[in-house]
Amino acid sequence: MFCLLLIAAALVIFFLARNGKLGAPPWAARPEADARTILAERFARGDISSDEFLERASVLNWNPGADDGRRRGGANR
């Protein structure tokens, strides 16, 4: 009986994770996303030049303006 309960719990967790209902844990923050946001905000305010922005973006391995694989708006392409 206990084994069935464990199997059922494992299946529920598996299907939730597979469907994207379970997100990353709060301690698994992505510091590079924060760095990109700060860099973009500084550029938008005019604190840094476009050359400096592109240089710092390349250090972060970020290509601003390129699609990063996430869909926007839910439209199929």
PDB file of N, CA and C in Angstrom:
ATOM      1  N   MET A   1       0.821  -1.202   0.000  1.00  0.00           N
ATOM      2  CA  MET A   1       0.000   0.000   0.000  1.00  0.00           C
ATOM      3  C   MET A   1       0.860   1.259   0.000  1.00  0.00           C
ATOM      4  N   PHE A   2       1.920   1.217   0.814  1.00  0.00           N
ATOM      5  CA  PHE A   2       2.818   2.368   0.890  1.00  0.00           C
ATOM      6  C   PHE A   2       3.537   2.577  -0.445  1.00  0.00           C
ATOM      7  N   CYS A   3       3.898   1.489  -1.101  1.00  0.00           N
ATOM      8  CA  CYS A   3       4.564   1.587  -2.401  1.00  0.00           C
ATOM      9  C   CYS A   3       3.650   2.233  -3.440  1.00  0.00           C
ATOM     10  N   LEU A   4       2.373   1.895  -3.412  1.00  0.00           N
ATOM     11  CA  LEU A   4       1.420   2.501  -4.347  1.00  0.00           C
ATOM     12  C   LEU A   4       1.305   4.009  -4.115  1.00  0.00           C
ATOM     13  N   LEU A   5       1.325   4.416  -2.854  1.00  0.00           N
ATOM     14  CA  LEU A   5       1.261   5.836  -2.522  1.00  0.00           C
ATOM     15  C   LEU A   5       2.510   6.563  -3.043  1.00  0.00           C
ATOM     16  N   LEU A   6       3.670   5.956  -2.871  1.00  0.00           N
ATOM     17  CA  LEU A   6       4.907   6.562  -3.381  1.00  0.00           C
ATOM     18  C   LEU A   6       4.908   6.647  -4.899  1.00  0.00           C
ATOM     19  N   ILE A   7       4.436   5.615  -5.557  1.00  0.00           N
ATOM     20  CA  ILE A   7       4.375   5.616  -7.022  1.00  0.00           C
ATOM     21  C   ILE A   7       3.406   6.692  -7.510  1.00  0.00           C
ATOM     22  N   ALA A   8       2.262   6.807  -6.849  1.00  0.00           N
ATOM     23  CA  ALA A   8       1.281   7.827  -7.233  1.00  0.00           C
ATOM     24  C   ALA A   8       1.855   9.229  -7.043  1.00  0.00           C
ATOM     25  N   ALA A   9       2.537   9.466  -5.926  1.00  0.00           N
ATOM     26  CA  ALA A   9       3.146  10.778  -5.682  1.00  0.00           C
ATOM     27  C   ALA A   9       4.219  11.079  -6.722  1.00  0.00           C
ATOM     28  N   ALA A  10       5.027  10.083  -7.058  1.00  0.00           N
ATOM     29  CA  ALA A  10       6.069  10.278  -8.063  1.00  0.00           C
ATOM     30  C   ALA A  10       5.464  10.594  -9.422  1.00  0.00           C
ATOM     31  N   LEU A  11       4.386   9.933  -9.780  1.00  0.00           N
ATOM     32  CA  LEU A  11       3.728  10.204 -11.060  1.00  0.00           C
ATOM     33  C   LEU A  11       3.146  11.612 -11.109  1.00  0.00           C
ATOM     34  N   VAL A  12       2.546  12.046 -10.016  1.00  0.00           N
ATOM     35  CA  VAL A  12       1.988  13.401  -9.964  1.00  0.00           C
ATOM     36  C   VAL A  12       3.104  14.426 -10.133  1.00  0.00           C
ATOM     37  N   ILE A  13       4.209  14.249  -9.433  1.00  0.00           N
ATOM     38  CA  ILE A  13       5.332  15.182  -9.544  1.00  0.00           C
ATOM     39  C   ILE A  13       5.904  15.153 -10.958  1.00  0.00           C
ATOM     40  N   PHE A  14       6.016  13.957 -11.532  1.00  0.00           N
ATOM     41  CA  PHE A  14       6.545  13.833 -12.888  1.00  0.00           C
ATOM     42  C   PHE A  14       5.680  14.592 -13.894  1.00  0.00           C
ATOM     43  N   PHE A  15       4.367  14.396 -13.836  1.00  0.00           N
ATOM     44  CA  PHE A  15       3.485  15.054 -14.802  1.00  0.00           C
ATOM     45  C   PHE A  15       3.409  16.562 -14.580  1.00  0.00           C
ATOM     46  N   LEU A  16       3.471  17.015 -13.335  1.00  0.00           N
ATOM     47  CA  LEU A  16       3.491  18.453 -13.083  1.00  0.00           C
ATOM     48  C   LEU A  16       4.768  19.078 -13.625  1.00  0.00           C
ATOM     49  N   ALA A  17       5.889  18.423 -13.422  1.00  0.00           N
ATOM     50  CA  ALA A  17       7.161  18.949 -13.922  1.00  0.00           C
ATOM     51  C   ALA A  17       7.189  18.933 -15.450  1.00  0.00           C
ATOM     52  N   ARG A  18       6.651  17.904 -16.039  1.00  0.00           N
ATOM     53  CA  ARG A  18       6.669  17.784 -17.497  1.00  0.00           C
ATOM     54  C   ARG A  18       5.781  18.826 -18.170  1.00  0.00           C
ATOM     55  N   ASN A  19       4.683  19.183 -17.546  1.00  0.00           N
ATOM     56  CA  ASN A  19       3.763  20.158 -18.126  1.00  0.00           C
ATOM     57  C   ASN A  19       4.135  21.593 -17.776  1.00  0.00           C
ATOM     58  N   GLY A  20       5.221  21.783 -17.060  1.00  0.00           N
ATOM     59  CA  GLY A  20       5.676  23.126 -16.730  1.00  0.00           C
ATOM     60  C   GLY A  20       4.965  23.751 -15.555  1.00  0.00           C
ATOM     61  N   LYS A  21       4.244  22.976 -14.789  1.00  0.00           N
ATOM     62  CA  LYS A  21       3.533  23.521 -13.630  1.00  0.00           C
ATOM     63  C   LYS A  21       4.468  23.739 -12.446  1.00  0.00           C
ATOM     64  N   LEU A  22       5.561  23.009 -12.413  1.00  0.00           N
ATOM     65  CA  LEU A  22       6.545  23.188 -11.352  1.00  0.00           C
ATOM     66  C   LEU A  22       7.679  24.048 -11.897  1.00  0.00           C
ATOM     67  N   GLY A  23       7.912  25.172 -11.266  1.00  0.00           N
ATOM     68  CA  GLY A  23       8.978  26.052 -11.709  1.00  0.00           C
ATOM     69  C   GLY A  23      10.277  25.742 -10.989  1.00  0.00           C
ATOM     70  N   ALA A  24      11.269  26.528 -11.296  1.00  0.00           N
ATOM     71  CA  ALA A  24      12.556  26.371 -10.628  1.00  0.00           C
ATOM     72  C   ALA A  24      12.417  26.814  -9.172  1.00  0.00           C
ATOM     73  N   PRO A  25      13.184  26.220  -8.290  1.00  0.00           N
ATOM     74  CA  PRO A  25      13.114  26.631  -6.891  1.00  0.00           C
ATOM     75  C   PRO A  25      13.610  28.065  -6.725  1.00  0.00           C
ATOM     76  N   PRO A  26      13.148  28.761  -5.694  1.00  0.00           N
ATOM     77  CA  PRO A  26      13.505  30.177  -5.536  1.00  0.00           C
ATOM     78  C   PRO A  26      15.006  30.407  -5.372  1.00  0.00           C
ATOM     79  N   TRP A  27      15.732  29.437  -4.880  1.00  0.00           N
ATOM     80  CA  TRP A  27      17.169  29.625  -4.688  1.00  0.00           C
ATOM     81  C   TRP A  27      17.949  29.418  -5.985  1.00  0.00           C
ATOM     82  N   ALA A  28      17.281  28.996  -7.028  1.00  0.00           N
ATOM     83  CA  ALA A  28      17.938  28.776  -8.314  1.00  0.00           C
ATOM     84  C   ALA A  28      17.740  29.979  -9.235  1.00  0.00           C
ATOM     85  N   ALA A  29      17.950  31.162  -8.707  1.00  0.00           N
ATOM     86  CA  ALA A  29      17.765  32.383  -9.492  1.00  0.00           C
ATOM     87  C   ALA A  29      18.836  32.474 -10.574  1.00  0.00           C
ATOM     88  N   ARG A  30      18.504  33.136 -11.655  1.00  0.00           N
ATOM     89  CA  ARG A  30      19.438  33.306 -12.757  1.00  0.00           C
ATOM     90  C   ARG A  30      20.054  34.696 -12.677  1.00  0.00           C
ATOM     91  N   PRO A  31      21.265  34.797 -12.137  1.00  0.00           N
ATOM     92  CA  PRO A  31      21.873  36.131 -12.009  1.00  0.00           C
ATOM     93  C   PRO A  31      22.159  36.790 -13.350  1.00  0.00           C
ATOM     94  N   GLU A  32      22.359  35.990 -14.412  1.00  0.00           N
ATOM     95  CA  GLU A  32      22.627  36.617 -15.710  1.00  0.00           C
ATOM     96  C   GLU A  32      21.399  37.346 -16.233  1.00  0.00           C
ATOM     97  N   ALA A  33      20.202  36.889 -15.885  1.00  0.00           N
ATOM     98  CA  ALA A  33      18.986  37.594 -16.294  1.00  0.00           C
ATOM     99  C   ALA A  33      18.903  38.949 -15.603  1.00  0.00           C
ATOM    100  N   ASP A  34      19.276  38.993 -14.328  1.00  0.00           N
ATOM    101  CA  ASP A  34      19.300  40.264 -13.615  1.00  0.00           C
ATOM    102  C   ASP A  34      20.346  41.204 -14.210  1.00  0.00           C
ATOM    103  N   ALA A  35      21.502  40.656 -14.576  1.00  0.00           N
ATOM    104  CA  ALA A  35      22.560  41.474 -15.167  1.00  0.00           C
ATOM    105  C   ALA A  35      22.108  42.053 -16.506  1.00  0.00           C
ATOM    106  N   ARG A  36      21.407  41.253 -17.297  1.00  0.00           N
ATOM    107  CA  ARG A  36      20.904  41.739 -18.586  1.00  0.00           C
ATOM    108  C   ARG A  36      19.891  42.863 -18.384  1.00  0.00           C
ATOM    109  N   THR A  37      19.024  42.702 -17.408  1.00  0.00           N
ATOM    110  CA  THR A  37      18.018  43.727 -17.127  1.00  0.00           C
ATOM    111  C   THR A  37      18.674  45.029 -16.704  1.00  0.00           C
ATOM    112  N   ILE A  38      19.647  44.939 -15.811  1.00  0.00           N
ATOM    113  CA  ILE A  38      20.344  46.142 -15.339  1.00  0.00           C
ATOM    114  C   ILE A  38      21.082  46.814 -16.489  1.00  0.00           C
ATOM    115  N   LEU A  39      21.741  46.007 -17.319  1.00  0.00           N
ATOM    116  CA  LEU A  39      22.467  46.560 -18.464  1.00  0.00           C
ATOM    117  C   LEU A  39      21.521  47.266 -19.428  1.00  0.00           C
ATOM    118  N   ALA A  40      20.387  46.659 -19.717  1.00  0.00           N
ATOM    119  CA  ALA A  40      19.408  47.278 -20.625  1.00  0.00           C
ATOM    120  C   ALA A  40      18.847  48.570 -20.032  1.00  0.00           C
ATOM    121  N   GLU A  41      18.605  48.573 -18.726  1.00  0.00           N
ATOM    122  CA  GLU A  41      18.094  49.791 -18.079  1.00  0.00           C
ATOM    123  C   GLU A  41      19.123  50.915 -18.129  1.00  0.00           C
ATOM    124  N   ARG A  42      20.391  50.585 -17.896  1.00  0.00           N
ATOM    125  CA  ARG A  42      21.440  51.610 -17.955  1.00  0.00           C
ATOM    126  C   ARG A  42      21.572  52.187 -19.357  1.00  0.00           C
ATOM    127  N   PHE A  43      21.444  51.320 -20.366  1.00  0.00           N
ATOM    128  CA  PHE A  43      21.509  51.795 -21.744  1.00  0.00           C
ATOM    129  C   PHE A  43      20.303  52.676 -22.065  1.00  0.00           C
ATOM    130  N   ALA A  44      19.136  52.283 -21.607  1.00  0.00           N
ATOM    131  CA  ALA A  44      17.921  53.056 -21.873  1.00  0.00           C
ATOM    132  C   ALA A  44      17.970  54.431 -21.215  1.00  0.00           C
ATOM    133  N   ARG A  45      18.591  54.512 -20.046  1.00  0.00           N
ATOM    134  CA  ARG A  45      18.720  55.799 -19.355  1.00  0.00           C
ATOM    135  C   ARG A  45      19.789  56.680 -19.984  1.00  0.00           C
ATOM    136  N   GLY A  46      20.667  56.089 -20.797  1.00  0.00           N
ATOM    137  CA  GLY A  46      21.747  56.859 -21.403  1.00  0.00           C
ATOM    138  C   GLY A  46      23.003  56.880 -20.568  1.00  0.00           C
ATOM    139  N   ASP A  47      23.098  56.018 -19.566  1.00  0.00           N
ATOM    140  CA  ASP A  47      24.285  55.968 -18.717  1.00  0.00           C
ATOM    141  C   ASP A  47      25.498  55.417 -19.455  1.00  0.00           C
ATOM    142  N   ILE A  48      25.262  54.548 -20.444  1.00  0.00           N
ATOM    143  CA  ILE A  48      26.362  53.949 -21.194  1.00  0.00           C
ATOM    144  C   ILE A  48      26.092  54.106 -22.684  1.00  0.00           C
ATOM    145  N   SER A  49      27.171  54.109 -23.464  1.00  0.00           N
ATOM    146  CA  SER A  49      27.044  54.260 -24.919  1.00  0.00           C
ATOM    147  C   SER A  49      26.666  52.928 -25.550  1.00  0.00           C
ATOM    148  N   SER A  50      26.324  52.987 -26.840  1.00  0.00           N
ATOM    149  CA  SER A  50      25.939  51.751 -27.525  1.00  0.00           C
ATOM    150  C   SER A  50      27.127  50.799 -27.652  1.00  0.00           C
ATOM    151  N   ASP A  51      28.317  51.339 -27.876  1.00  0.00           N
ATOM    152  CA  ASP A  51      29.502  50.473 -27.948  1.00  0.00           C
ATOM    153  C   ASP A  51      29.753  49.778 -26.616  1.00  0.00           C
ATOM    154  N   GLU A  52      29.632  50.528 -25.530  1.00  0.00           N
ATOM    155  CA  GLU A  52      29.830  49.947 -24.202  1.00  0.00           C
ATOM    156  C   GLU A  52      28.741  48.916 -23.895  1.00  0.00           C
ATOM    157  N   PHE A  53      27.518  49.207 -24.307  1.00  0.00           N
ATOM    158  CA  PHE A  53      26.417  48.265 -24.113  1.00  0.00           C
ATOM    159  C   PHE A  53      26.688  46.947 -24.831  1.00  0.00           C
ATOM    160  N   LEU A  54      27.085  47.028 -26.101  1.00  0.00           N
ATOM    161  CA  LEU A  54      27.348  45.813 -26.873  1.00  0.00           C
ATOM    162  C   LEU A  54      28.544  45.040 -26.331  1.00  0.00           C
ATOM    163  N   GLU A  55      29.552  45.757 -25.864  1.00  0.00           N
ATOM    164  CA  GLU A  55      30.724  45.085 -25.287  1.00  0.00           C
ATOM    165  C   GLU A  55      30.344  44.318 -24.021  1.00  0.00           C
ATOM    166  N   ARG A  56      29.574  44.960 -23.162  1.00  0.00           N
ATOM    167  CA  ARG A  56      29.162  44.301 -21.922  1.00  0.00           C
ATOM    168  C   ARG A  56      28.165  43.178 -22.184  1.00  0.00           C
ATOM    169  N   ALA A  57      27.319  43.341 -23.191  1.00  0.00           N
ATOM    170  CA  ALA A  57      26.388  42.270 -23.546  1.00  0.00           C
ATOM    171  C   ALA A  57      27.146  41.054 -24.055  1.00  0.00           C
ATOM    172  N   SER A  58      28.228  41.270 -24.792  1.00  0.00           N
ATOM    173  CA  SER A  58      29.014  40.142 -25.285  1.00  0.00           C
ATOM    174  C   SER A  58      29.709  39.412 -24.145  1.00  0.00           C
ATOM    175  N   VAL A  59      30.079  40.120 -23.096  1.00  0.00           N
ATOM    176  CA  VAL A  59      30.671  39.468 -21.922  1.00  0.00           C
ATOM    177  C   VAL A  59      29.648  38.548 -21.268  1.00  0.00           C
ATOM    178  N   LEU A  60      28.376  38.931 -21.328  1.00  0.00           N
ATOM    179  CA  LEU A  60      27.296  38.110 -20.765  1.00  0.00           C
ATOM    180  C   LEU A  60      26.823  37.028 -21.742  1.00  0.00           C
ATOM    181  N   ASN A  61      27.474  36.923 -22.911  1.00  0.00           N
ATOM    182  CA  ASN A  61      27.050  35.994 -23.966  1.00  0.00           C
ATOM    183  C   ASN A  61      25.596  36.238 -24.348  1.00  0.00           C
ATOM    184  N   TRP A  62      25.264  37.508 -24.505  1.00  0.00           N
ATOM    185  CA  TRP A  62      23.902  37.930 -24.821  1.00  0.00           C
ATOM    186  C   TRP A  62      23.932  38.678 -26.135  1.00  0.00           C
ATOM    187  N   ASN A  63      23.037  38.302 -27.026  1.00  0.00           N
ATOM    188  CA  ASN A  63      22.888  38.983 -28.300  1.00  0.00           C
ATOM    189  C   ASN A  63      21.570  39.751 -28.249  1.00  0.00           C
ATOM    190  N   PRO A  64      21.596  41.024 -27.837  1.00  0.00           N
ATOM    191  CA  PRO A  64      20.352  41.778 -27.695  1.00  0.00           C
ATOM    192  C   PRO A  64      19.588  41.845 -29.013  1.00  0.00           C
ATOM    193  N   GLY A  65      18.300  41.650 -28.917  1.00  0.00           N
ATOM    194  CA  GLY A  65      17.446  41.707 -30.087  1.00  0.00           C
ATOM    195  C   GLY A  65      17.219  40.372 -30.755  1.00  0.00           C
ATOM    196  N   ALA A  66      18.037  39.388 -30.424  1.00  0.00           N
ATOM    197  CA  ALA A  66      17.853  38.059 -31.008  1.00  0.00           C
ATOM    198  C   ALA A  66      16.803  37.316 -30.203  1.00  0.00           C
ATOM    199  N   ASP A  67      16.036  36.487 -30.887  1.00  0.00           N
ATOM    200  CA  ASP A  67      15.013  35.690 -30.213  1.00  0.00           C
ATOM    201  C   ASP A  67      15.711  34.628 -29.377  1.00  0.00           C
ATOM    202  N   ASP A  68      15.371  34.559 -28.090  1.00  0.00           N
ATOM    203  CA  ASP A  68      16.020  33.596 -27.206  1.00  0.00           C
ATOM    204  C   ASP A  68      15.254  32.292 -27.100  1.00  0.00           C
ATOM    205  N   GLY A  69      14.341  32.033 -28.016  1.00  0.00           N
ATOM    206  CA  GLY A  69      13.636  30.759 -28.047  1.00  0.00           C
ATOM    207  C   GLY A  69      12.283  30.780 -27.373  1.00  0.00           C
ATOM    208  N   ARG A  70      11.984  31.812 -26.629  1.00  0.00           N
ATOM    209  CA  ARG A  70      10.674  31.883 -25.978  1.00  0.00           C
ATOM    210  C   ARG A  70       9.672  32.501 -26.925  1.00  0.00           C
ATOM    211  N   ARG A  71       8.461  31.961 -26.929  1.00  0.00           N
ATOM    212  CA  ARG A  71       7.404  32.495 -27.789  1.00  0.00           C
ATOM    213  C   ARG A  71       6.719  33.656 -27.105  1.00  0.00           C
ATOM    214  N   ARG A  72       6.325  34.605 -27.908  1.00  0.00           N
ATOM    215  CA  ARG A  72       5.612  35.758 -27.370  1.00  0.00           C
ATOM    216  C   ARG A  72       4.237  35.828 -27.979  1.00  0.00           C
ATOM    217  N   GLY A  73       3.262  36.119 -27.162  1.00  0.00           N
ATOM    218  CA  GLY A  73       1.917  36.340 -27.655  1.00  0.00           C
ATOM    219  C   GLY A  73       1.134  35.081 -27.950  1.00  0.00           C
ATOM    220  N   GLY A  74       1.743  33.936 -27.897  1.00  0.00           N
ATOM    221  CA  GLY A  74       1.044  32.691 -28.107  1.00  0.00           C
ATOM    222  C   GLY A  74       0.683  32.363 -29.535  1.00  0.00           C
ATOM    223  N   ALA A  75       1.108  33.168 -30.491  1.00  0.00           N
ATOM    224  CA  ALA A  75       0.782  32.904 -31.887  1.00  0.00           C
ATOM    225  C   ALA A  75       1.718  31.852 -32.441  1.00  0.00           C
ATOM    226  N   ASN A  76       1.180  30.974 -33.240  1.00  0.00           N
ATOM    227  CA  ASN A  76       2.009  29.958 -33.876  1.00  0.00           C
ATOM    228  C   ASN A  76       2.692  30.537 -35.090  1.00  0.00           C
ATOM    229  N   ARG A  77       3.920  30.137 -35.307  1.00  0.00           N
ATOM    230  CA  ARG A  77       4.681  30.653 -36.449  1.00  0.00           C
ATOM    231  C   ARG A  77       4.986  29.544 -37.383  1.00  0.00           C
TER     232      ARG A  77
END
